[in-house]
Amino acid sequence: MDIVQQHMLDSYRAAQHGEVPPPPPGRHDRDVLRELRRRFRLRVERPGEGGG
């Protein structure tokens, strides 16, 4: 099952239970990449600091 089929199934199940459907696939990709880039830059600029 690919991601689109999974999203369709999750949306159907949410509708059956009267719940809010999940966000479409890829909706938050840009935000995730931006955060990863920010963390990488912080790590490169200060490699000895932070443990996470």
C-alpha atoms as a PDB file:
ATOM      1  CA  MET A   1       0.000   0.000   0.000  1.00  0.00           C
ATOM      2  CA  ASP A   2       1.432   3.350  -0.950  1.00  0.00           C
ATOM      3  CA  ILE A   3       1.065   6.620   0.961  1.00  0.00           C
ATOM      4  CA  VAL A   4      -1.875   7.868  -1.114  1.00  0.00           C
ATOM      5  CA  GLN A   5      -3.837   4.663  -0.544  1.00  0.00           C
ATOM      6  CA  GLN A   6      -3.065   4.821   3.182  1.00  0.00           C
ATOM      7  CA  HIS A   7      -4.266   8.424   3.325  1.00  0.00           C
ATOM      8  CA  MET A   8      -7.505   7.482   1.543  1.00  0.00           C
ATOM      9  CA  LEU A   9      -8.084   4.629   4.002  1.00  0.00           C
ATOM     10  CA  ASP A  10      -7.340   6.838   7.026  1.00  0.00           C
ATOM     11  CA  SER A  11      -9.667   9.546   5.671  1.00  0.00           C
ATOM     12  CA  TYR A  12     -12.442   7.009   5.150  1.00  0.00           C
ATOM     13  CA  ARG A  13     -12.049   5.620   8.663  1.00  0.00           C
ATOM     14  CA  ALA A  14     -12.042   9.124  10.145  1.00  0.00           C
ATOM     15  CA  ALA A  15     -15.253   9.951   8.262  1.00  0.00           C
ATOM     16  CA  GLN A  16     -16.887   6.758   9.542  1.00  0.00           C
ATOM     17  CA  HIS A  17     -16.063   7.704  13.143  1.00  0.00           C
ATOM     18  CA  GLY A  18     -16.878  11.396  12.785  1.00  0.00           C
ATOM     19  CA  GLU A  19     -13.254  12.417  13.335  1.00  0.00           C
ATOM     20  CA  VAL A  20     -11.105  15.018  11.620  1.00  0.00           C
ATOM     21  CA  PRO A  21      -9.325  13.542   8.577  1.00  0.00           C
ATOM     22  CA  PRO A  22      -5.523  13.435   8.569  1.00  0.00           C
ATOM     23  CA  PRO A  23      -3.559  16.095   6.653  1.00  0.00           C
ATOM     24  CA  PRO A  24      -2.673  15.194   3.068  1.00  0.00           C
ATOM     25  CA  PRO A  25       0.674  13.475   2.507  1.00  0.00           C
ATOM     26  CA  GLY A  26       3.568  15.887   2.156  1.00  0.00           C
ATOM     27  CA  ARG A  27       1.754  18.805   3.732  1.00  0.00           C
ATOM     28  CA  HIS A  28       4.409  19.402   6.386  1.00  0.00           C
ATOM     29  CA  ASP A  29       7.466  18.374   4.372  1.00  0.00           C
ATOM     30  CA  ARG A  30       8.689  21.944   3.881  1.00  0.00           C
ATOM     31  CA  ASP A  31       8.483  22.700   7.606  1.00  0.00           C
ATOM     32  CA  VAL A  32      10.316  19.490   8.496  1.00  0.00           C
ATOM     33  CA  LEU A  33      13.102  20.198   6.012  1.00  0.00           C
ATOM     34  CA  ARG A  34      13.422  23.772   7.253  1.00  0.00           C
ATOM     35  CA  GLU A  35      13.785  22.554  10.849  1.00  0.00           C
ATOM     36  CA  LEU A  36      16.350  19.912   9.874  1.00  0.00           C
ATOM     37  CA  ARG A  37      18.365  22.521   7.976  1.00  0.00           C
ATOM     38  CA  ARG A  38      18.232  24.855  10.993  1.00  0.00           C
ATOM     39  CA  ARG A  39      19.437  22.105  13.335  1.00  0.00           C
ATOM     40  CA  PHE A  40      22.219  21.152  10.937  1.00  0.00           C
ATOM     41  CA  ARG A  41      23.427  24.729  10.711  1.00  0.00           C
ATOM     42  CA  LEU A  42      23.457  25.043  14.499  1.00  0.00           C
ATOM     43  CA  ARG A  43      25.440  21.802  14.759  1.00  0.00           C
ATOM     44  CA  VAL A  44      27.985  22.948  12.166  1.00  0.00           C
ATOM     45  CA  GLU A  45      28.405  26.403  13.689  1.00  0.00           C
ATOM     46  CA  ARG A  46      28.787  25.032  17.253  1.00  0.00           C
ATOM     47  CA  PRO A  47      29.835  21.382  16.958  1.00  0.00           C
ATOM     48  CA  GLY A  48      30.820  20.911  20.622  1.00  0.00           C
ATOM     49  CA  GLU A  49      27.613  22.243  22.174  1.00  0.00           C
ATOM     50  CA  GLY A  50      24.316  20.522  22.767  1.00  0.00           C
ATOM     51  CA  GLY A  51      23.605  16.887  23.260  1.00  0.00           C
ATOM     52  CA  GLY A  52      20.534  16.473  21.116  1.00  0.00           C
END
